[in-house]
Amino acid sequence: PYYVDINQILFLEAYLRSSDSNLVLFVDTCVASPHPNDFTTVTYDIIRNGCIKDSTYANYYSPYKHIARFKFSAFQFVRSYPSVYLKCEFVVCRLNDYSSRCYQGCITRSKREASS
């Protein structure tokens, strides 16, 4: 475990290990849960589908495209949950493939209109 205070800023870095230098790493989704194996019942979205959901979240510049850096402030679900677990999903794309998911940023699903 990593112990932090409430509102303490957490700095995270994800590193892609590959001999291919033409790959980009993109932070797609990070979800928090008070349970280590359940990220569906009680959750808090920090970033989802590339869309920032937590106002304290920010990406940091990395000189290397295979390293993703970001931060957010530590929080607590409620007093009955002493721990917060984090699950993040990343996307790996080809460098300069601007049609790939890594270059699309935030993706919101459009709602369909119900027909009469």
N, C-alpha and C. Protein backbone atom coordinates (compact mmCIF):
# COMPACT_ATOMS: atom_id res chain seq x y z
N PRO A 1 0.83 -1.22 0.00
CA PRO A 1 0.00 0.00 0.00
C PRO A 1 0.85 1.26 0.00
N TYR A 2 0.27 2.30 -0.54
CA TYR A 2 0.92 3.60 -0.59
C TYR A 2 0.03 4.55 0.21
N TYR A 3 0.53 5.07 1.32
CA TYR A 3 -0.27 5.89 2.22
C TYR A 3 -0.15 7.36 1.85
N VAL A 4 -1.29 8.02 1.74
CA VAL A 4 -1.32 9.44 1.40
C VAL A 4 -2.38 10.12 2.26
N ASP A 5 -2.28 11.44 2.32
CA ASP A 5 -3.28 12.24 3.01
C ASP A 5 -4.35 12.67 2.03
N ILE A 6 -5.53 12.96 2.55
CA ILE A 6 -6.61 13.47 1.71
C ILE A 6 -6.15 14.76 1.04
N ASN A 7 -6.45 14.91 -0.23
CA ASN A 7 -6.08 16.07 -1.07
C ASN A 7 -4.60 16.14 -1.41
N GLN A 8 -3.82 15.17 -0.99
CA GLN A 8 -2.41 15.13 -1.39
C GLN A 8 -2.37 14.84 -2.89
N ILE A 9 -1.51 15.52 -3.61
CA ILE A 9 -1.41 15.30 -5.05
C ILE A 9 -0.59 14.04 -5.32
N LEU A 10 -1.17 13.16 -6.12
CA LEU A 10 -0.49 11.94 -6.53
C LEU A 10 0.02 12.11 -7.95
N PHE A 11 1.28 11.82 -8.16
CA PHE A 11 1.87 11.88 -9.48
C PHE A 11 2.11 10.45 -9.94
N LEU A 12 1.60 10.11 -11.13
CA LEU A 12 1.73 8.76 -11.66
C LEU A 12 2.41 8.79 -13.02
N GLU A 13 3.07 7.69 -13.32
CA GLU A 13 3.75 7.56 -14.61
C GLU A 13 3.58 6.13 -15.08
N ALA A 14 3.19 5.98 -16.32
CA ALA A 14 3.09 4.66 -16.95
C ALA A 14 4.15 4.60 -18.05
N TYR A 15 4.80 3.48 -18.14
CA TYR A 15 5.92 3.31 -19.05
C TYR A 15 5.67 2.10 -19.93
N LEU A 16 5.78 2.28 -21.22
CA LEU A 16 5.62 1.18 -22.17
C LEU A 16 6.99 0.61 -22.50
N ARG A 17 7.18 -0.66 -22.20
CA ARG A 17 8.44 -1.31 -22.51
C ARG A 17 8.33 -1.96 -23.88
N SER A 18 9.06 -1.42 -24.83
CA SER A 18 9.05 -1.96 -26.18
C SER A 18 10.30 -1.52 -26.91
N SER A 19 10.78 -2.34 -27.79
CA SER A 19 11.93 -1.96 -28.61
C SER A 19 11.50 -1.08 -29.78
N ASP A 20 10.19 -0.98 -30.01
CA ASP A 20 9.65 -0.15 -31.09
C ASP A 20 9.52 1.29 -30.58
N SER A 21 10.32 2.18 -31.10
CA SER A 21 10.31 3.58 -30.64
C SER A 21 9.21 4.40 -31.31
N ASN A 22 8.43 3.80 -32.18
CA ASN A 22 7.35 4.52 -32.87
C ASN A 22 5.98 4.23 -32.26
N LEU A 23 5.95 4.06 -30.94
CA LEU A 23 4.70 3.81 -30.25
C LEU A 23 4.37 4.96 -29.30
N VAL A 24 3.09 5.23 -29.13
CA VAL A 24 2.59 6.28 -28.25
C VAL A 24 1.73 5.63 -27.19
N LEU A 25 1.82 6.12 -25.95
CA LEU A 25 1.01 5.62 -24.85
C LEU A 25 0.00 6.69 -24.46
N PHE A 26 -1.28 6.31 -24.39
CA PHE A 26 -2.38 7.24 -24.12
C PHE A 26 -3.16 6.76 -22.90
N VAL A 27 -3.41 7.68 -21.95
CA VAL A 27 -4.23 7.36 -20.78
C VAL A 27 -5.69 7.43 -21.22
N ASP A 28 -6.37 6.30 -21.25
CA ASP A 28 -7.76 6.26 -21.69
C ASP A 28 -8.72 6.35 -20.51
N THR A 29 -8.54 5.49 -19.51
CA THR A 29 -9.49 5.42 -18.39
C THR A 29 -8.77 5.11 -17.09
N CYS A 30 -9.13 5.83 -16.03
CA CYS A 30 -8.68 5.51 -14.67
C CYS A 30 -9.90 5.60 -13.76
N VAL A 31 -10.17 4.50 -13.07
CA VAL A 31 -11.32 4.39 -12.20
C VAL A 31 -10.83 4.01 -10.80
N ALA A 32 -11.44 4.61 -9.79
CA ALA A 32 -11.11 4.28 -8.41
C ALA A 32 -12.26 3.49 -7.79
N SER A 33 -11.90 2.62 -6.85
CA SER A 33 -12.89 1.80 -6.15
C SER A 33 -12.41 1.56 -4.73
N PRO A 34 -13.33 1.38 -3.78
CA PRO A 34 -12.91 1.00 -2.43
C PRO A 34 -12.62 -0.50 -2.31
N HIS A 35 -12.86 -1.25 -3.38
CA HIS A 35 -12.65 -2.70 -3.37
C HIS A 35 -11.60 -3.06 -4.43
N PRO A 36 -10.62 -3.89 -4.08
CA PRO A 36 -9.53 -4.20 -5.01
C PRO A 36 -9.95 -5.01 -6.24
N ASN A 37 -11.06 -5.74 -6.16
CA ASN A 37 -11.45 -6.61 -7.28
C ASN A 37 -12.81 -6.27 -7.86
N ASP A 38 -13.37 -5.12 -7.49
CA ASP A 38 -14.69 -4.73 -7.98
C ASP A 38 -14.65 -3.28 -8.43
N PHE A 39 -14.58 -3.08 -9.74
CA PHE A 39 -14.55 -1.73 -10.30
C PHE A 39 -15.84 -1.41 -11.05
N THR A 40 -16.95 -1.99 -10.55
CA THR A 40 -18.25 -1.71 -11.16
C THR A 40 -19.30 -1.27 -10.14
N THR A 41 -19.25 -1.75 -8.90
CA THR A 41 -20.30 -1.46 -7.93
C THR A 41 -20.19 -0.04 -7.37
N VAL A 42 -19.14 0.24 -6.64
CA VAL A 42 -18.89 1.57 -6.08
C VAL A 42 -17.62 2.09 -6.75
N THR A 43 -17.76 3.08 -7.61
CA THR A 43 -16.60 3.58 -8.35
C THR A 43 -16.61 5.10 -8.44
N TYR A 44 -15.47 5.62 -8.82
CA TYR A 44 -15.32 7.04 -9.09
C TYR A 44 -14.43 7.17 -10.32
N ASP A 45 -14.96 7.81 -11.36
CA ASP A 45 -14.18 8.01 -12.58
C ASP A 45 -13.25 9.20 -12.44
N ILE A 46 -11.98 8.96 -12.71
CA ILE A 46 -11.00 10.05 -12.74
C ILE A 46 -10.86 10.52 -14.18
N ILE A 47 -10.73 9.58 -15.09
CA ILE A 47 -10.74 9.86 -16.52
C ILE A 47 -11.40 8.66 -17.19
N ARG A 48 -12.28 8.91 -18.16
CA ARG A 48 -12.97 7.82 -18.85
C ARG A 48 -13.05 8.15 -20.33
N ASN A 49 -12.61 7.19 -21.16
CA ASN A 49 -12.58 7.37 -22.62
C ASN A 49 -11.84 8.64 -23.02
N GLY A 50 -10.78 8.95 -22.27
CA GLY A 50 -9.99 10.13 -22.56
C GLY A 50 -10.59 11.43 -22.06
N CYS A 51 -11.77 11.35 -21.43
CA CYS A 51 -12.47 12.54 -20.93
C CYS A 51 -12.20 12.70 -19.44
N ILE A 52 -11.68 13.83 -19.05
CA ILE A 52 -11.36 14.09 -17.66
C ILE A 52 -12.65 14.26 -16.87
N LYS A 53 -12.79 13.48 -15.79
CA LYS A 53 -13.99 13.52 -14.94
C LYS A 53 -13.70 14.16 -13.59
N ASP A 54 -12.46 14.16 -13.17
CA ASP A 54 -12.06 14.73 -11.88
C ASP A 54 -11.33 16.03 -12.14
N SER A 55 -11.77 17.09 -11.49
CA SER A 55 -11.20 18.42 -11.75
C SER A 55 -9.74 18.55 -11.32
N THR A 56 -9.25 17.63 -10.50
CA THR A 56 -7.85 17.71 -10.06
C THR A 56 -6.92 16.94 -11.00
N TYR A 57 -7.48 16.22 -11.98
CA TYR A 57 -6.67 15.44 -12.92
C TYR A 57 -6.00 16.36 -13.93
N ALA A 58 -4.75 16.04 -14.26
CA ALA A 58 -4.04 16.75 -15.31
C ALA A 58 -2.97 15.84 -15.90
N ASN A 59 -2.78 15.95 -17.20
CA ASN A 59 -1.68 15.25 -17.86
C ASN A 59 -0.43 16.10 -17.75
N TYR A 60 0.71 15.47 -17.70
CA TYR A 60 1.99 16.17 -17.68
C TYR A 60 2.75 15.86 -18.96
N TYR A 61 3.51 16.82 -19.40
CA TYR A 61 4.34 16.63 -20.58
C TYR A 61 5.39 15.56 -20.32
N SER A 62 5.61 14.72 -21.30
CA SER A 62 6.69 13.75 -21.26
C SER A 62 7.48 13.89 -22.55
N PRO A 63 8.80 13.98 -22.48
CA PRO A 63 9.59 14.07 -23.71
C PRO A 63 9.59 12.76 -24.49
N TYR A 64 9.11 11.71 -23.87
CA TYR A 64 9.07 10.40 -24.49
C TYR A 64 7.62 9.98 -24.69
N LYS A 65 7.26 9.62 -25.90
CA LYS A 65 5.88 9.27 -26.22
C LYS A 65 5.44 7.95 -25.61
N HIS A 66 6.41 7.11 -25.20
CA HIS A 66 6.06 5.83 -24.59
C HIS A 66 5.89 5.94 -23.07
N ILE A 67 5.92 7.17 -22.55
CA ILE A 67 5.70 7.42 -21.13
C ILE A 67 4.52 8.38 -20.98
N ALA A 68 3.54 7.99 -20.16
CA ALA A 68 2.40 8.85 -19.87
C ALA A 68 2.51 9.30 -18.42
N ARG A 69 2.38 10.60 -18.19
CA ARG A 69 2.47 11.17 -16.84
C ARG A 69 1.19 11.94 -16.53
N PHE A 70 0.68 11.75 -15.31
CA PHE A 70 -0.53 12.47 -14.92
C PHE A 70 -0.59 12.59 -13.40
N LYS A 71 -1.53 13.41 -12.93
CA LYS A 71 -1.69 13.64 -11.50
C LYS A 71 -3.16 13.80 -11.16
N PHE A 72 -3.48 13.60 -9.90
CA PHE A 72 -4.79 13.92 -9.35
C PHE A 72 -4.66 13.96 -7.83
N SER A 73 -5.65 14.53 -7.17
CA SER A 73 -5.61 14.64 -5.71
C SER A 73 -6.23 13.41 -5.07
N ALA A 74 -5.61 12.97 -3.99
CA ALA A 74 -6.11 11.82 -3.25
C ALA A 74 -7.45 12.15 -2.61
N PHE A 75 -8.31 11.16 -2.54
CA PHE A 75 -9.64 11.35 -1.96
C PHE A 75 -10.03 10.09 -1.20
N GLN A 76 -11.15 10.18 -0.53
CA GLN A 76 -11.68 9.05 0.24
C GLN A 76 -13.14 8.88 -0.15
N PHE A 77 -13.59 7.65 -0.34
CA PHE A 77 -14.99 7.44 -0.71
C PHE A 77 -15.91 7.88 0.43
N VAL A 78 -15.86 7.18 1.51
CA VAL A 78 -16.55 7.53 2.76
C VAL A 78 -15.73 6.93 3.88
N ARG A 79 -16.01 7.31 5.08
CA ARG A 79 -15.19 6.85 6.20
C ARG A 79 -15.19 5.33 6.38
N SER A 80 -16.21 4.66 5.88
CA SER A 80 -16.28 3.21 6.06
C SER A 80 -15.35 2.45 5.11
N TYR A 81 -14.75 3.14 4.14
CA TYR A 81 -13.79 2.51 3.22
C TYR A 81 -12.42 3.13 3.44
N PRO A 82 -11.53 2.44 4.13
CA PRO A 82 -10.22 3.02 4.44
C PRO A 82 -9.25 3.07 3.26
N SER A 83 -9.53 2.31 2.20
CA SER A 83 -8.60 2.24 1.07
C SER A 83 -9.27 2.64 -0.23
N VAL A 84 -8.44 3.11 -1.16
CA VAL A 84 -8.91 3.41 -2.51
C VAL A 84 -7.97 2.68 -3.47
N TYR A 85 -8.56 1.93 -4.40
CA TYR A 85 -7.80 1.19 -5.38
C TYR A 85 -8.00 1.84 -6.74
N LEU A 86 -6.97 1.81 -7.54
CA LEU A 86 -6.99 2.48 -8.83
C LEU A 86 -6.76 1.45 -9.94
N LYS A 87 -7.57 1.56 -10.99
CA LYS A 87 -7.41 0.70 -12.17
C LYS A 87 -7.38 1.62 -13.39
N CYS A 88 -6.29 1.57 -14.12
CA CYS A 88 -6.15 2.43 -15.30
C CYS A 88 -5.99 1.59 -16.55
N GLU A 89 -6.52 2.11 -17.64
CA GLU A 89 -6.40 1.47 -18.94
C GLU A 89 -5.70 2.43 -19.90
N PHE A 90 -4.77 1.88 -20.65
CA PHE A 90 -3.97 2.67 -21.58
C PHE A 90 -4.16 2.13 -22.99
N VAL A 91 -3.93 2.98 -23.95
CA VAL A 91 -3.99 2.59 -25.35
C VAL A 91 -2.61 2.81 -25.95
N VAL A 92 -2.17 1.86 -26.76
CA VAL A 92 -0.89 1.97 -27.46
C VAL A 92 -1.18 2.15 -28.94
N CYS A 93 -0.58 3.18 -29.54
CA CYS A 93 -0.81 3.48 -30.95
C CYS A 93 0.52 3.74 -31.65
N ARG A 94 0.46 3.75 -32.95
CA ARG A 94 1.61 4.13 -33.76
C ARG A 94 1.81 5.64 -33.70
N LEU A 95 3.05 6.06 -33.59
CA LEU A 95 3.40 7.47 -33.60
C LEU A 95 2.94 8.11 -34.91
N ASN A 96 2.32 9.26 -34.81
CA ASN A 96 1.84 10.05 -35.95
C ASN A 96 0.71 9.40 -36.74
N ASP A 97 0.04 8.41 -36.16
CA ASP A 97 -1.16 7.85 -36.78
C ASP A 97 -2.35 8.62 -36.22
N TYR A 98 -2.65 9.74 -36.86
CA TYR A 98 -3.63 10.68 -36.32
C TYR A 98 -5.06 10.17 -36.38
N SER A 99 -5.29 9.05 -37.04
CA SER A 99 -6.63 8.45 -37.05
C SER A 99 -6.79 7.46 -35.90
N SER A 100 -5.71 7.20 -35.14
CA SER A 100 -5.75 6.22 -34.06
C SER A 100 -6.40 6.81 -32.81
N ARG A 101 -6.75 5.95 -31.89
CA ARG A 101 -7.40 6.35 -30.64
C ARG A 101 -6.55 7.32 -29.83
N CYS A 102 -5.26 7.20 -29.87
CA CYS A 102 -4.37 8.05 -29.07
C CYS A 102 -4.46 9.52 -29.44
N TYR A 103 -4.80 9.80 -30.66
CA TYR A 103 -4.84 11.19 -31.12
C TYR A 103 -6.25 11.77 -31.12
N GLN A 104 -7.25 10.98 -30.73
CA GLN A 104 -8.63 11.46 -30.74
C GLN A 104 -9.02 12.21 -29.48
N GLY A 105 -8.29 11.99 -28.39
CA GLY A 105 -8.61 12.68 -27.14
C GLY A 105 -9.90 12.16 -26.52
N CYS A 106 -10.70 13.07 -25.98
CA CYS A 106 -11.94 12.72 -25.30
C CYS A 106 -12.98 12.24 -26.31
N ILE A 107 -13.56 11.08 -26.03
CA ILE A 107 -14.61 10.56 -26.90
C ILE A 107 -15.90 10.46 -26.09
N THR A 108 -16.89 11.20 -26.51
CA THR A 108 -18.20 11.11 -25.87
C THR A 108 -19.14 10.42 -26.83
N ARG A 109 -19.92 9.53 -26.28
CA ARG A 109 -20.90 8.83 -27.11
C ARG A 109 -22.09 9.74 -27.31
N SER A 110 -22.53 9.87 -28.54
CA SER A 110 -23.71 10.69 -28.81
C SER A 110 -24.96 9.90 -28.48
N LYS A 111 -25.93 10.57 -27.90
CA LYS A 111 -27.18 9.92 -27.56
C LYS A 111 -28.09 9.90 -28.79
N ARG A 112 -28.75 8.75 -28.98
CA ARG A 112 -29.66 8.65 -30.11
C ARG A 112 -31.03 9.16 -29.70
N GLU A 113 -31.68 9.76 -30.66
CA GLU A 113 -33.02 10.26 -30.41
C GLU A 113 -34.01 9.10 -30.52
N ALA A 114 -34.91 9.03 -29.55
CA ALA A 114 -35.93 7.97 -29.59
C ALA A 114 -37.00 8.34 -30.61
N SER A 115 -37.32 7.38 -31.46
CA SER A 115 -38.34 7.66 -32.47
C SER A 115 -39.73 7.54 -31.86
N SER A 116 -40.70 8.18 -32.45
CA SER A 116 -42.05 8.15 -31.90
C SER A 116 -42.75 6.86 -32.21
